[in-house]
Amino acid sequence: MSVAGSTLHNMEATLTPAEILWLRMSALGLDVDSVEDQPAQLPNPLPGAARIAATASRMLAVQGQDWRSARWALGVRTPGTTVNDLHEAFNTGLIVRSWPMRGTIHLLAAEDIGWMQRATNRRVLSGAAKRREFLGITDTALDTLIDTSLEALREKKSLKRDELAEAWTAAGIEWKSNWRYHLIWWMCQNGLTVQGPVSEQGEPRLVLADEWIPSPKNLEGEEALQELAARYAAARGAVSAQDLAWWAGLTATEARAGLKLATETGQLVECSTTRDEKPVTLWVDPRLLDKTSQPDKEDWLLLPSFDEHLLGYQNRAPQLSPEHLDRIVPGRNGMFLATIVHGGRVVGTWKKGSRKDEGLIGTPLPAESIATGSAQLQHRAGAWGAFHGLGDTQFGTATTSA
């Protein structure tokens, strides 16, 4: 088994930081072979919506709190598709937006939302009652709001957030503005609803889960933990039990149990690395270790805010120097900026210019330069523009450092 020029033959394989980085980029669908733009007119065995859905399924889940960024997270991993393909995947029930774990909204395959919630809900839901007490939502009010919401959805089939609130008012319910997010989260987190079809404004509308998802995957207990561990590692590369526990909101015991089950069935293999002069066990999908292609150390990427390139792990050191974290998450407020990635490492941030006619603007991290990647970054900006239907999109560099 060859990884970036090293020969790895068994469970005793020791991975270097460079090898961990390459395994992660390959698993994330961000190696050069995965993201190289493919002309849309080339024949493809699957239509765009199905390809987007396949990417979502392979990734298991991608963060979805920023709608534009979440769409590009799937688009950058599915070359040749457009935002209209992604909307079609939503409108045909292939993918949904909901809260599969950690109380954090994600995009994922529709068939996966139910079993993932059942595997992770216990810890997420434990603090909900205290939150409702803070908001002033009584148990009686909660029941009335849910009953009214489900009745309105059965009648209208889908609702925007404002339309849902209008149904509460029409039913004579006295509600507060800060209740709405919690009620939508609660109904989705408990598998009553999901965000499915895309509205005219581009945000997914709320629908009844049992009507919108006719064939959910049914996994429980150890089988669900095994599936979660195997698919997480397959889409993230070399990962630790701590990475899985953090990402899925599992206990350390649950994470280790899932990884053990997936290892016993051959879905994963154990490797090791050294951090702070201490050995650390990592798990890898063996299919990644069988790859013989070399990573392109000169490749440049434009990744969205909240991308799994960073959000998919507790330990992000292979992808980002720890001293730069404050540049990516200003004020440590949980808001991850869009990143410029060179050879798998974060070297800058980017954003859309404030004027409508402006393109994308990149800012290098301290002691980093993005000048040598200008041609590739212009190419990536063009791919971003094509995906969003914005036509030719230019890439420029900010005059001040991040």
Foldseek 3Di string as FASTA:
>chain_A
DDFQHDDDDAQAAADDLLSQLRQQCVLQLNFCVQQPADALPDDDPDDLLVLLLVNQALQQKAFPPPPLQQLVLSDSRRHNAASVSVLVNQALLQWFWADLAPLTIIIHGLQRRVLSLQVHVPVVCPCLVVVCVVQVQDPVNLVVLVVQQLVVCVVVQWAALVRSVVSCVVVVHDDDPVVSVSSVRVCRSVQQWTFGHADPVGGGTIGGSCVSDVNHDDDDDLRSLLVLQLSLQSNRGWAALQLSCVLSVHDSVSSVSNLVVNVVVLQWGWYWYADPNHIGIIIHGVVSNPDDDHGDQAAKAWHAKRHCLQVSGPDNCSAEPVVCVCVQVPVVPPTGATFMGGNRHTFWGKDQDPDPPAAIEIAGAPPGDCVVVQVNVLVNSQSSCVNHVNHRGGYYYDPDHD
